[in-house]
Amino acid sequence: MPEHEPDLPAKVAFLADPRAHAAGTQSVEVVQTHRSFVFLTESRAYKLKKPVQVDGVDLARLADREAQCRNEVALNRRLTSGVYEGVAALTLDAAGRLHLDGEGRAVEWLVRMRRLPRSHMLDRQIEAGQVDIEGLRVCIAMLAAFYARQPPADIGPVGFRESLARRIEENRCALARPGLDLQESHLDDLRREQMRLLAALGDDIDERVRDGRIVEGHGDLRPEHICLAPPRPQVIDCLEFSLGLRIVDAIEELGFLALECARLGAPHLEAVIFDAYRGARRDPVPPRLVHFYQSVHAGVRAKLAAWHLDEPGPNGPVHWKDRADAYVRVARTHAAAAARLTSA
């Protein structure tokens, strides 16, 4: 490797400088996530993937990061229009200067997006108390049509139930880590109840698998990934790194969205979401199964919060411990609701 080969801090510093971007760029906001750095200008967003091995995905090699960027663009174009513009190269010229899509050899690859208006993102609308309900209905109808177009996932009833069981076990193991300070008895009770519900709801789950309801979906359907700006909704940032985690029941994915809306202070949107879904697609939505899915997903979100404990960033350990604890409480609440409806 040449002595002047830029390291990650050098790449981040270059892309954080407005002079690296198109003429007229006044500022660059830098957002760090678990896997990436995102650079937001007035009109564009660029995502740089960290050269790390995490969650079983190895992005240490430049060629693998390029492939992941191209995969992300292709997958996210399924639920967007004109947002994912392509892949940009960060290049190094003979004099050792970095350029964005300029001369020289590629030393990094970035996902390039058109920036969406923040005021139309669903999480911001919830925060402002001004949700575009009709826009949300249109978005859910778009998602319903997307799920209906997707071929059934190549997974049988036993395989799908086993994947849910693995997720429950993985959540419990991650939440037992030292320093998280979650009550062990609550975690054990939650795992036990979720596994009991998985067995009790086995017929419901198997029927949905046989009916072709398990498809390759978005994988991370949260309010911050939904833009309700006219003329059409945009759903961004799918879970591009794992096909297995994108294999979902359609109502599982919508239940996760409803759970996140409730966490942000808008529990009433669950009725809007499922009413719009039922109006767009003939699909029974067993409430007990939705609650079970929501319980498992809340456990996943608690696990992700636990993973952030050791990461540098603006949010310290207390923030992530509180976030994990809050999601565990949500998981217990939905498990209890599923249990009531199952025994009724």
Protein backbone atom coordinates (compact mmCIF):
# COMPACT_ATOMS: atom_id res chain seq x y z
CA MET A 1 0.00 0.00 0.00
CA PRO A 2 1.48 3.42 -0.93
CA GLU A 3 2.55 5.58 1.98
CA HIS A 4 0.00 8.20 1.04
CA GLU A 5 -2.90 5.74 0.86
CA PRO A 6 -5.69 7.54 2.75
CA ASP A 7 -7.06 5.87 5.86
CA LEU A 8 -10.68 6.04 7.03
CA PRO A 9 -10.27 9.28 9.08
CA ALA A 10 -8.70 10.97 6.05
CA LYS A 11 -11.58 9.91 3.81
CA VAL A 12 -14.15 11.09 6.35
CA ALA A 13 -12.37 14.44 6.79
CA PHE A 14 -12.26 14.99 3.02
CA LEU A 15 -15.94 14.17 2.49
CA ALA A 16 -16.95 16.35 5.47
CA ASP A 17 -15.42 19.39 3.71
CA PRO A 18 -17.94 21.31 1.53
CA ARG A 19 -15.14 21.94 -1.00
CA ALA A 20 -15.14 18.23 -1.84
CA HIS A 21 -18.67 18.46 -3.21
CA ALA A 22 -20.44 20.23 -6.04
CA ALA A 23 -19.93 23.95 -6.52
CA GLY A 24 -22.18 25.95 -4.24
CA THR A 25 -22.21 23.42 -1.41
CA GLN A 26 -22.27 25.43 1.82
CA SER A 27 -22.26 22.76 4.49
CA VAL A 28 -21.93 19.01 5.07
CA GLU A 29 -23.63 17.23 7.95
CA VAL A 30 -21.91 14.01 9.00
CA VAL A 31 -23.98 11.20 10.55
CA GLN A 32 -22.31 8.05 11.87
CA THR A 33 -24.25 4.79 12.05
CA HIS A 34 -23.36 1.26 13.13
CA ARG A 35 -21.97 0.46 9.67
CA SER A 36 -21.52 3.71 7.78
CA PHE A 37 -20.76 7.40 7.61
CA VAL A 38 -23.40 9.49 5.84
CA PHE A 39 -22.53 12.91 4.41
CA LEU A 40 -25.49 15.22 3.85
CA THR A 41 -25.19 18.26 1.60
CA GLU A 42 -28.02 20.59 0.66
CA SER A 43 -29.10 18.34 -2.21
CA ARG A 44 -27.28 15.00 -1.93
CA ALA A 45 -26.49 12.24 0.53
CA TYR A 46 -23.38 10.05 0.26
CA LYS A 47 -22.98 6.86 2.28
CA LEU A 48 -19.51 5.45 3.01
CA LYS A 49 -19.42 1.92 4.38
CA LYS A 50 -16.97 1.27 7.21
CA PRO A 51 -14.20 -1.27 6.42
CA VAL A 52 -15.25 -3.59 9.21
CA GLN A 53 -16.47 -7.10 9.82
CA VAL A 54 -19.78 -6.98 11.67
CA ASP A 55 -22.86 -9.19 11.96
CA GLY A 56 -21.16 -11.79 9.76
CA VAL A 57 -20.58 -9.33 6.88
CA ASP A 58 -16.93 -8.66 5.98
CA LEU A 59 -16.38 -5.24 4.38
CA ALA A 60 -12.64 -5.04 4.99
CA ARG A 61 -11.86 -5.28 1.25
CA LEU A 62 -12.54 -2.38 -1.12
CA ALA A 63 -14.06 -4.72 -3.73
CA ASP A 64 -16.58 -6.01 -1.18
CA ARG A 65 -17.58 -2.48 -0.19
CA GLU A 66 -18.10 -1.61 -3.85
CA ALA A 67 -20.28 -4.69 -4.34
CA GLN A 68 -22.30 -3.85 -1.24
CA CYS A 69 -22.84 -0.28 -2.46
CA ARG A 70 -24.10 -1.51 -5.83
CA ASN A 71 -26.35 -4.05 -4.14
CA GLU A 72 -27.79 -1.34 -1.87
CA VAL A 73 -28.64 0.87 -4.85
CA ALA A 74 -30.33 -1.98 -6.74
CA LEU A 75 -32.39 -3.15 -3.76
CA ASN A 76 -33.54 0.32 -2.73
CA ARG A 77 -34.71 1.21 -6.21
CA ARG A 78 -37.54 -1.30 -5.65
CA LEU A 79 -39.41 1.15 -3.37
CA THR A 80 -38.10 4.51 -4.59
CA SER A 81 -38.05 6.57 -7.75
CA GLY A 82 -35.20 8.93 -8.65
CA VAL A 83 -33.64 8.77 -5.18
CA TYR A 84 -30.80 6.25 -5.54
CA GLU A 85 -28.69 7.87 -8.24
CA GLY A 86 -25.91 5.30 -8.27
CA VAL A 87 -22.45 4.62 -6.91
CA ALA A 88 -19.75 7.30 -6.69
CA ALA A 89 -16.01 6.71 -6.54
CA LEU A 90 -13.66 8.44 -4.12
CA THR A 91 -10.46 8.65 -6.16
CA LEU A 92 -6.80 9.38 -5.48
CA ASP A 93 -4.73 11.16 -8.13
CA ALA A 94 -1.02 10.79 -8.81
CA ALA A 95 -0.23 13.67 -6.47
CA GLY A 96 -2.05 12.00 -3.57
CA ARG A 97 -5.11 14.26 -3.68
CA LEU A 98 -8.61 12.91 -3.09
CA HIS A 99 -11.50 13.64 -5.46
CA LEU A 100 -15.19 12.77 -5.49
CA ASP A 101 -15.85 11.08 -8.83
CA GLY A 102 -12.65 12.63 -10.18
CA GLU A 103 -9.39 11.52 -11.74
CA GLY A 104 -7.21 8.76 -10.38
CA ARG A 105 -7.84 5.29 -8.98
CA ALA A 106 -10.77 4.43 -6.75
CA VAL A 107 -9.85 4.15 -3.06
CA GLU A 108 -13.45 4.06 -1.79
CA TRP A 109 -17.02 3.70 -3.05
CA LEU A 110 -20.11 5.58 -1.94
CA VAL A 111 -23.85 5.26 -2.40
CA ARG A 112 -25.08 8.53 -3.93
CA MET A 113 -28.66 9.63 -3.24
CA ARG A 114 -30.87 12.61 -3.87
CA ARG A 115 -31.58 14.10 -0.46
CA LEU A 116 -35.21 13.92 0.62
CA PRO A 117 -36.98 16.77 2.46
CA ARG A 118 -36.72 16.18 6.21
CA SER A 119 -40.11 17.73 6.93
CA HIS A 120 -41.78 14.95 4.92
CA MET A 121 -40.04 12.06 6.69
CA LEU A 122 -42.56 10.13 8.79
CA ASP A 123 -40.54 10.33 12.00
CA ARG A 124 -40.33 14.13 11.69
CA GLN A 125 -44.05 14.37 10.98
CA ILE A 126 -44.80 12.30 14.08
CA GLU A 127 -42.52 14.55 16.14
CA ALA A 128 -44.32 17.64 14.79
CA GLY A 129 -47.76 16.08 15.33
CA GLN A 130 -48.62 16.64 11.67
CA VAL A 131 -48.65 13.23 9.99
CA ASP A 132 -49.88 13.16 6.40
CA ILE A 133 -52.42 10.38 6.99
CA GLU A 134 -53.49 10.16 3.35
CA GLY A 135 -49.84 10.03 2.28
CA LEU A 136 -49.25 7.22 4.78
CA ARG A 137 -52.23 5.30 3.39
CA VAL A 138 -50.81 5.65 -0.12
CA CYS A 139 -47.44 4.43 1.15
CA ILE A 140 -48.96 1.35 2.77
CA ALA A 141 -50.92 0.58 -0.41
CA MET A 142 -47.63 0.83 -2.33
CA LEU A 143 -46.02 -1.60 0.12
CA ALA A 144 -48.99 -3.98 -0.13
CA ALA A 145 -48.59 -4.06 -3.91
CA PHE A 146 -44.86 -4.63 -3.49
CA TYR A 147 -45.40 -7.60 -1.17
CA ALA A 148 -47.99 -9.05 -3.55
CA ARG A 149 -45.52 -8.87 -6.47
CA GLN A 150 -42.73 -10.60 -4.57
CA PRO A 151 -42.43 -14.36 -5.14
CA PRO A 152 -42.86 -16.47 -2.01
CA ALA A 153 -39.57 -16.92 -0.18
CA ASP A 154 -37.83 -20.25 -0.57
CA ILE A 155 -38.51 -21.28 2.99
CA GLY A 156 -40.91 -23.84 4.42
CA PRO A 157 -43.03 -23.62 7.57
CA VAL A 158 -40.43 -25.41 9.70
CA GLY A 159 -37.60 -23.26 8.36
CA PHE A 160 -39.49 -20.03 9.01
CA ARG A 161 -40.38 -21.01 12.56
CA GLU A 162 -36.78 -22.04 13.16
CA SER A 163 -35.60 -18.62 11.97
CA LEU A 164 -37.92 -16.95 14.49
CA ALA A 165 -36.66 -19.25 17.25
CA ARG A 166 -33.04 -18.37 16.41
CA ARG A 167 -33.88 -14.69 16.58
CA ILE A 168 -35.43 -15.12 20.03
CA GLU A 169 -32.36 -17.00 21.29
CA GLU A 170 -29.93 -14.48 19.75
CA ASN A 171 -31.81 -11.60 21.39
CA ARG A 172 -31.61 -13.27 24.80
CA CYS A 173 -27.87 -13.97 24.47
CA ALA A 174 -27.05 -10.41 23.37
CA LEU A 175 -29.08 -8.86 26.19
CA ALA A 176 -27.25 -10.90 28.83
CA ARG A 177 -23.97 -9.04 28.23
CA PRO A 178 -22.25 -7.46 31.25
CA GLY A 179 -22.80 -3.75 31.67
CA LEU A 180 -26.29 -3.72 30.23
CA ASP A 181 -27.78 -4.24 33.69
CA LEU A 182 -31.06 -5.73 32.49
CA GLN A 183 -32.92 -7.89 34.97
CA GLU A 184 -32.07 -11.52 34.17
CA SER A 185 -35.43 -12.84 35.36
CA HIS A 186 -37.28 -10.49 32.98
CA LEU A 187 -35.11 -11.64 30.06
CA ASP A 188 -35.67 -15.29 30.91
CA ASP A 189 -39.41 -14.77 31.28
CA LEU A 190 -39.55 -12.95 27.94
CA ARG A 191 -37.63 -15.67 26.11
CA ARG A 192 -39.78 -18.39 27.67
CA GLU A 193 -43.04 -16.61 26.76
CA GLN A 194 -41.93 -15.88 23.20
CA MET A 195 -40.96 -19.52 22.64
CA ARG A 196 -44.29 -20.64 24.10
CA LEU A 197 -46.13 -18.26 21.77
CA LEU A 198 -44.11 -19.49 18.79
CA ALA A 199 -45.36 -23.01 19.51
CA ALA A 200 -48.94 -21.89 20.20
CA LEU A 201 -49.09 -19.82 17.01
CA GLY A 202 -47.45 -22.49 14.88
CA ASP A 203 -50.62 -23.20 12.87
CA ASP A 204 -51.10 -19.48 12.11
CA ILE A 205 -47.49 -19.12 11.01
CA ASP A 206 -47.49 -22.29 8.91
CA GLU A 207 -50.66 -21.18 7.11
CA ARG A 208 -49.05 -17.87 6.17
CA VAL A 209 -46.00 -19.66 4.82
CA ARG A 210 -48.17 -22.00 2.73
CA ASP A 211 -50.20 -19.01 1.45
CA GLY A 212 -47.03 -17.34 0.14
CA ARG A 213 -47.10 -14.46 2.66
CA ILE A 214 -43.38 -14.80 3.49
CA VAL A 215 -41.40 -12.73 0.98
CA GLU A 216 -38.21 -10.73 0.53
CA GLY A 217 -39.25 -7.40 2.01
CA HIS A 218 -37.54 -4.21 3.16
CA GLY A 219 -36.08 -5.58 6.39
CA ASP A 220 -35.86 -2.30 8.33
CA LEU A 221 -39.19 -0.52 7.89
CA ARG A 222 -38.95 2.41 10.30
CA PRO A 223 -40.58 5.88 10.20
CA GLU A 224 -37.21 7.54 9.49
CA HIS A 225 -37.01 5.51 6.28
CA ILE A 226 -40.36 6.68 4.91
CA CYS A 227 -40.79 9.94 3.01
CA LEU A 228 -44.33 11.14 2.31
CA ALA A 229 -43.43 14.04 0.00
CA PRO A 230 -45.55 14.36 -3.17
CA PRO A 231 -45.87 13.09 -5.81
CA ARG A 232 -45.26 9.59 -4.38
CA PRO A 233 -43.97 7.99 -1.18
CA GLN A 234 -40.36 6.85 -1.00
CA VAL A 235 -39.14 4.02 1.22
CA ILE A 236 -35.36 4.09 1.62
CA ASP A 237 -32.55 2.29 3.48
CA CYS A 238 -33.59 -1.34 3.24
CA LEU A 239 -31.51 -3.95 5.05
CA GLU A 240 -29.17 -4.60 2.13
CA PHE A 241 -26.51 -6.69 3.84
CA SER A 242 -28.59 -9.78 4.70
CA LEU A 243 -31.12 -11.58 2.53
CA GLY A 244 -32.08 -13.73 5.51
CA LEU A 245 -33.12 -10.70 7.53
CA ARG A 246 -35.19 -9.41 4.59
CA ILE A 247 -37.24 -12.62 4.53
CA VAL A 248 -40.35 -11.51 6.42
CA ASP A 249 -44.06 -11.96 6.74
CA ALA A 250 -45.69 -8.85 5.24
CA ILE A 251 -47.68 -8.22 8.43
CA GLU A 252 -44.53 -8.78 10.47
CA GLU A 253 -42.86 -5.89 8.64
CA LEU A 254 -45.89 -3.61 8.96
CA GLY A 255 -46.19 -4.53 12.64
CA PHE A 256 -42.60 -3.40 13.14
CA LEU A 257 -43.42 -0.06 11.50
CA ALA A 258 -46.45 0.33 13.78
CA LEU A 259 -44.33 -0.49 16.83
CA GLU A 260 -41.78 2.19 15.90
CA CYS A 261 -44.54 4.74 15.31
CA ALA A 262 -45.89 3.98 18.79
CA ARG A 263 -42.42 4.37 20.30
CA LEU A 264 -42.23 7.85 18.77
CA GLY A 265 -45.59 8.78 20.29
CA ALA A 266 -48.10 7.83 17.59
CA PRO A 267 -49.74 4.50 18.57
CA HIS A 268 -52.88 5.48 16.65
CA LEU A 269 -51.02 4.99 13.37
CA GLU A 270 -51.17 1.21 13.80
CA ALA A 271 -54.87 1.29 12.92
CA VAL A 272 -54.14 3.49 9.90
CA ILE A 273 -51.38 1.14 8.72
CA PHE A 274 -53.38 -2.07 8.94
CA ASP A 275 -56.65 -0.53 7.69
CA ALA A 276 -54.76 0.69 4.61
CA TYR A 277 -53.14 -2.71 4.16
CA ARG A 278 -56.44 -4.59 4.41
CA GLY A 279 -57.97 -2.14 1.93
CA ALA A 280 -55.18 -2.76 -0.56
CA ARG A 281 -54.72 -6.52 -0.23
CA ARG A 282 -56.89 -9.44 0.77
CA ASP A 283 -54.87 -10.77 3.66
CA PRO A 284 -56.12 -11.81 7.10
CA VAL A 285 -54.22 -10.01 9.84
CA PRO A 286 -54.44 -12.06 13.07
CA PRO A 287 -53.84 -9.55 15.91
CA ARG A 288 -52.27 -12.22 18.13
CA LEU A 289 -49.67 -12.93 15.46
CA VAL A 290 -48.96 -9.23 14.92
CA HIS A 291 -48.32 -8.81 18.66
CA PHE A 292 -46.00 -11.83 18.64
CA TYR A 293 -44.02 -10.44 15.71
CA GLN A 294 -43.83 -7.05 17.44
CA SER A 295 -42.51 -8.66 20.60
CA VAL A 296 -39.73 -10.42 18.69
CA HIS A 297 -38.84 -7.26 16.76
CA ALA A 298 -38.67 -5.21 19.94
CA GLY A 299 -36.18 -7.79 21.20
CA VAL A 300 -34.11 -7.29 18.04
CA ARG A 301 -34.09 -3.52 18.60
CA ALA A 302 -33.00 -4.07 22.20
CA LYS A 303 -30.16 -6.27 20.93
CA LEU A 304 -29.05 -3.58 18.46
CA ALA A 305 -29.01 -1.01 21.26
CA ALA A 306 -26.77 -3.34 23.26
CA TRP A 307 -24.35 -3.57 20.33
CA HIS A 308 -23.93 0.23 20.37
CA LEU A 309 -22.62 0.28 23.95
CA ASP A 310 -18.97 0.13 22.95
CA GLU A 311 -19.15 2.48 19.97
CA PRO A 312 -17.83 6.04 20.08
CA GLY A 313 -20.36 8.69 19.22
CA PRO A 314 -22.62 11.39 20.62
CA ASN A 315 -24.75 8.91 22.57
CA GLY A 316 -23.06 7.39 25.61
CA PRO A 317 -23.63 4.02 27.31
CA VAL A 318 -26.49 5.33 29.46
CA HIS A 319 -28.47 6.24 26.34
CA TRP A 320 -28.10 2.76 24.84
CA LYS A 321 -28.78 0.99 28.13
CA ASP A 322 -31.99 2.99 28.51
CA ARG A 323 -32.92 2.25 24.89
CA ALA A 324 -32.38 -1.50 25.37
CA ASP A 325 -34.42 -1.48 28.59
CA ALA A 326 -37.26 0.40 26.90
CA TYR A 327 -37.41 -2.09 24.03
CA VAL A 328 -37.39 -5.04 26.44
CA ARG A 329 -40.42 -3.52 28.18
CA VAL A 330 -42.14 -3.10 24.79
CA ALA A 331 -41.34 -6.71 23.94
CA ARG A 332 -42.87 -7.91 27.22
CA THR A 333 -46.00 -5.80 26.65
CA HIS A 334 -46.61 -7.26 23.18
CA ALA A 335 -45.88 -10.80 24.36
CA ALA A 336 -48.52 -10.36 27.08
CA ALA A 337 -51.03 -9.04 24.52
CA ALA A 338 -50.33 -11.99 22.21
CA ALA A 339 -50.77 -14.40 25.12
CA ARG A 340 -54.16 -12.89 26.05
CA LEU A 341 -55.43 -13.17 22.48
CA THR A 342 -54.05 -16.69 22.06
CA SER A 343 -55.81 -17.98 25.15
CA ALA A 344 -59.09 -16.15 24.44
